[in-house]
């Protein structure tokens, strides 16, 4: 289960009105707890626990090496495709918003031309809204994160064509 699937699951649980959901798979255990509107100060709590594999120690090393080789082969075409683009990454952990407020237009769209210092999005962290400024100039080629999505430190947000 990758991070996007987990994020979509969190959004689905939050919208459904369920207060707690537990999901256990072979190697991962997820618990999502939400609160009611009255106690919204607590927010959503998500616990993700990776369970250890129940295999002997010696066979585990060759098994761990095998999955990495196909992943590297699959990642190679993607790297070649986006190698000519620069990436704007998240400087902090938080929730990304592409608009300054719900009734305003987005900061940037695919095809927008940006300059160094232009605000490309806002990331909320601990009730503070941090404007994320571009450190490069160019044209937005791809938006990699949806509006109102949680983002991690150093997560790619936008692809920019510098030419």
Foldseek 3Di string as FASTA:
>chain_A
DDPVVVQVVQVVCVVVPDQWDWDDDDFKIKIKGADDPVPCVVGIDMDMDGHDDPDDPVVVVVVVVVVVVVVVVVVVVVCVVQVQWDFDFAQAWAWKAQAPDPVGDGQDDQFDWFAFFRFRTWGDDPNDTHTDTDRATAGWHDADDDGRTTDHHGHTGTIGRRD
